[in-house]
Amino acid sequence: MSKRIDFVNSLKDLNEADLKARIQEDELRLKKLEFAHAISPLENPMSIRSLRKDVARLKTALGQKKTVKA
């Protein structure tokens, strides 16, 4: 639980460009994980779910920054 809170708190310090870069980086990592899982099962398939949720949190933070700025 505290890992998620730390993750969300760290997003507050990032600007829009940093958030966009991190989203692209994590989405690429997610695609690679999903591809690797399709070829042979991952040792921890829950990492895909957690990464997908992190991407969603990043996109939410980016949307909030855009609405505050506008």
N, C-alpha and C. Protein backbone atom coordinates (compact mmCIF):
# COMPACT_ATOMS: atom_id res chain seq x y z
N MET A 1 0.82 -1.19 0.00
CA MET A 1 0.00 0.00 0.00
C MET A 1 0.87 1.25 0.00
N SER A 2 1.94 1.27 0.77
CA SER A 2 2.77 2.46 0.85
C SER A 2 3.55 2.68 -0.45
N LYS A 3 3.82 1.61 -1.20
CA LYS A 3 4.50 1.76 -2.48
C LYS A 3 3.66 2.59 -3.44
N ARG A 4 2.36 2.33 -3.45
CA ARG A 4 1.46 3.08 -4.33
C ARG A 4 1.39 4.53 -3.90
N ILE A 5 1.33 4.78 -2.61
CA ILE A 5 1.26 6.16 -2.11
C ILE A 5 2.54 6.91 -2.46
N ASP A 6 3.68 6.25 -2.30
CA ASP A 6 4.96 6.88 -2.68
C ASP A 6 4.99 7.19 -4.17
N PHE A 7 4.46 6.27 -4.99
CA PHE A 7 4.42 6.47 -6.44
C PHE A 7 3.58 7.69 -6.79
N VAL A 8 2.41 7.81 -6.19
CA VAL A 8 1.51 8.93 -6.47
C VAL A 8 2.14 10.24 -5.99
N ASN A 9 2.77 10.22 -4.83
CA ASN A 9 3.41 11.44 -4.32
C ASN A 9 4.58 11.86 -5.20
N SER A 10 5.28 10.91 -5.79
CA SER A 10 6.42 11.26 -6.65
C SER A 10 5.94 11.90 -7.96
N LEU A 11 4.70 11.62 -8.35
CA LEU A 11 4.17 12.19 -9.59
C LEU A 11 3.89 13.69 -9.47
N LYS A 12 3.66 14.15 -8.26
CA LYS A 12 3.35 15.56 -8.06
C LYS A 12 4.52 16.46 -8.42
N ASP A 13 5.74 15.93 -8.35
CA ASP A 13 6.93 16.73 -8.63
C ASP A 13 7.25 16.81 -10.11
N LEU A 14 6.64 15.96 -10.92
CA LEU A 14 6.96 15.90 -12.35
C LEU A 14 6.12 16.91 -13.14
N ASN A 15 6.72 17.46 -14.20
CA ASN A 15 5.96 18.34 -15.08
C ASN A 15 5.35 17.51 -16.21
N GLU A 16 4.62 18.18 -17.11
CA GLU A 16 3.89 17.46 -18.16
C GLU A 16 4.83 16.70 -19.10
N ALA A 17 5.94 17.30 -19.46
CA ALA A 17 6.88 16.64 -20.38
C ALA A 17 7.46 15.38 -19.75
N ASP A 18 7.79 15.47 -18.47
CA ASP A 18 8.32 14.29 -17.77
C ASP A 18 7.28 13.18 -17.67
N LEU A 19 6.04 13.57 -17.41
CA LEU A 19 4.96 12.58 -17.33
C LEU A 19 4.76 11.88 -18.67
N LYS A 20 4.76 12.67 -19.75
CA LYS A 20 4.58 12.07 -21.09
C LYS A 20 5.72 11.11 -21.41
N ALA A 21 6.93 11.50 -21.08
CA ALA A 21 8.08 10.63 -21.33
C ALA A 21 7.98 9.34 -20.52
N ARG A 22 7.57 9.47 -19.28
CA ARG A 22 7.44 8.28 -18.42
C ARG A 22 6.32 7.37 -18.90
N ILE A 23 5.23 7.96 -19.40
CA ILE A 23 4.12 7.15 -19.94
C ILE A 23 4.61 6.35 -21.13
N GLN A 24 5.32 7.00 -22.05
CA GLN A 24 5.82 6.30 -23.23
C GLN A 24 6.77 5.19 -22.84
N GLU A 25 7.64 5.47 -21.88
CA GLU A 25 8.62 4.48 -21.43
C GLU A 25 7.91 3.27 -20.80
N ASP A 26 6.93 3.53 -19.95
CA ASP A 26 6.22 2.43 -19.27
C ASP A 26 5.33 1.65 -20.23
N GLU A 27 4.74 2.33 -21.21
CA GLU A 27 3.93 1.61 -22.20
C GLU A 27 4.80 0.68 -23.04
N LEU A 28 6.00 1.13 -23.38
CA LEU A 28 6.92 0.27 -24.12
C LEU A 28 7.33 -0.93 -23.28
N ARG A 29 7.61 -0.68 -22.00
CA ARG A 29 7.96 -1.78 -21.10
C ARG A 29 6.80 -2.77 -20.95
N LEU A 30 5.56 -2.24 -20.92
CA LEU A 30 4.38 -3.09 -20.82
C LEU A 30 4.23 -3.97 -22.05
N LYS A 31 4.44 -3.40 -23.24
CA LYS A 31 4.35 -4.19 -24.47
C LYS A 31 5.39 -5.31 -24.47
N LYS A 32 6.60 -4.99 -24.03
CA LYS A 32 7.65 -6.01 -23.99
C LYS A 32 7.30 -7.13 -23.01
N LEU A 33 6.74 -6.75 -21.86
CA LEU A 33 6.36 -7.76 -20.88
C LEU A 33 5.24 -8.65 -21.41
N GLU A 34 4.24 -8.03 -22.05
CA GLU A 34 3.13 -8.82 -22.60
C GLU A 34 3.62 -9.75 -23.69
N PHE A 35 4.54 -9.28 -24.52
CA PHE A 35 5.09 -10.12 -25.58
C PHE A 35 5.88 -11.29 -24.99
N ALA A 36 6.70 -10.99 -23.99
CA ALA A 36 7.48 -12.04 -23.35
C ALA A 36 6.56 -13.06 -22.67
N HIS A 37 5.46 -12.59 -22.11
CA HIS A 37 4.52 -13.49 -21.45
C HIS A 37 3.79 -14.37 -22.47
N ALA A 38 3.57 -13.85 -23.66
CA ALA A 38 2.90 -14.63 -24.70
C ALA A 38 3.81 -15.75 -25.20
N ILE A 39 5.09 -15.50 -25.24
CA ILE A 39 6.04 -16.50 -25.72
C ILE A 39 6.26 -17.58 -24.66
N SER A 40 6.61 -17.16 -23.47
CA SER A 40 6.78 -18.11 -22.37
C SER A 40 6.27 -17.43 -21.10
N PRO A 41 5.61 -18.17 -20.24
CA PRO A 41 5.02 -17.55 -19.04
C PRO A 41 6.05 -16.84 -18.18
N LEU A 42 5.67 -15.67 -17.69
CA LEU A 42 6.54 -14.92 -16.79
C LEU A 42 6.54 -15.57 -15.41
N GLU A 43 7.60 -15.32 -14.68
CA GLU A 43 7.67 -15.84 -13.33
C GLU A 43 6.63 -15.16 -12.44
N ASN A 44 6.40 -13.87 -12.68
CA ASN A 44 5.41 -13.12 -11.91
C ASN A 44 4.49 -12.37 -12.88
N PRO A 45 3.41 -13.00 -13.34
CA PRO A 45 2.51 -12.34 -14.29
C PRO A 45 1.76 -11.15 -13.69
N MET A 46 1.76 -11.03 -12.37
CA MET A 46 1.08 -9.88 -11.75
C MET A 46 1.83 -8.58 -12.02
N SER A 47 3.08 -8.67 -12.47
CA SER A 47 3.82 -7.46 -12.79
C SER A 47 3.19 -6.74 -13.97
N ILE A 48 2.54 -7.48 -14.86
CA ILE A 48 1.84 -6.86 -15.99
C ILE A 48 0.70 -6.00 -15.47
N ARG A 49 -0.06 -6.55 -14.54
CA ARG A 49 -1.20 -5.81 -13.98
C ARG A 49 -0.74 -4.56 -13.25
N SER A 50 0.30 -4.67 -12.45
CA SER A 50 0.77 -3.51 -11.69
C SER A 50 1.33 -2.43 -12.61
N LEU A 51 2.02 -2.84 -13.67
CA LEU A 51 2.55 -1.86 -14.61
C LEU A 51 1.41 -1.17 -15.36
N ARG A 52 0.39 -1.92 -15.71
CA ARG A 52 -0.77 -1.34 -16.40
C ARG A 52 -1.45 -0.32 -15.49
N LYS A 53 -1.55 -0.61 -14.20
CA LYS A 53 -2.15 0.33 -13.25
C LYS A 53 -1.27 1.56 -13.08
N ASP A 54 0.04 1.38 -13.10
CA ASP A 54 0.95 2.53 -13.00
C ASP A 54 0.80 3.45 -14.19
N VAL A 55 0.63 2.88 -15.38
CA VAL A 55 0.42 3.69 -16.58
C VAL A 55 -0.88 4.48 -16.44
N ALA A 56 -1.92 3.84 -15.92
CA ALA A 56 -3.19 4.53 -15.72
C ALA A 56 -3.04 5.67 -14.72
N ARG A 57 -2.26 5.44 -13.66
CA ARG A 57 -2.03 6.50 -12.68
C ARG A 57 -1.27 7.67 -13.30
N LEU A 58 -0.30 7.36 -14.16
CA LEU A 58 0.45 8.41 -14.84
C LEU A 58 -0.46 9.23 -15.75
N LYS A 59 -1.33 8.54 -16.49
CA LYS A 59 -2.25 9.24 -17.39
C LYS A 59 -3.23 10.10 -16.60
N THR A 60 -3.67 9.62 -15.45
CA THR A 60 -4.56 10.40 -14.60
C THR A 60 -3.86 11.65 -14.09
N ALA A 61 -2.62 11.51 -13.65
CA ALA A 61 -1.85 12.65 -13.16
C ALA A 61 -1.63 13.67 -14.28
N LEU A 62 -1.38 13.18 -15.49
CA LEU A 62 -1.19 14.08 -16.62
C LEU A 62 -2.48 14.84 -16.92
N GLY A 63 -3.60 14.14 -16.89
CA GLY A 63 -4.89 14.80 -17.11
C GLY A 63 -5.19 15.83 -16.06
N GLN A 64 -4.86 15.56 -14.82
CA GLN A 64 -5.08 16.52 -13.75
C GLN A 64 -4.20 17.75 -13.93
N LYS A 65 -2.97 17.55 -14.37
CA LYS A 65 -2.08 18.70 -14.59
C LYS A 65 -2.60 19.57 -15.73
N LYS A 66 -3.15 18.93 -16.76
CA LYS A 66 -3.68 19.69 -17.89
C LYS A 66 -4.91 20.50 -17.48
N THR A 67 -5.80 19.92 -16.66
CA THR A 67 -7.01 20.64 -16.25
C THR A 67 -6.68 21.78 -15.30
N VAL A 68 -5.68 21.60 -14.45
CA VAL A 68 -5.28 22.66 -13.53
C VAL A 68 -4.65 23.80 -14.31
N LYS A 69 -3.88 23.45 -15.33
CA LYS A 69 -3.18 24.46 -16.13
C LYS A 69 -4.16 25.27 -16.98
N ALA A 70 -5.20 24.62 -17.47
CA ALA A 70 -6.16 25.29 -18.38
C ALA A 70 -7.08 26.23 -17.67
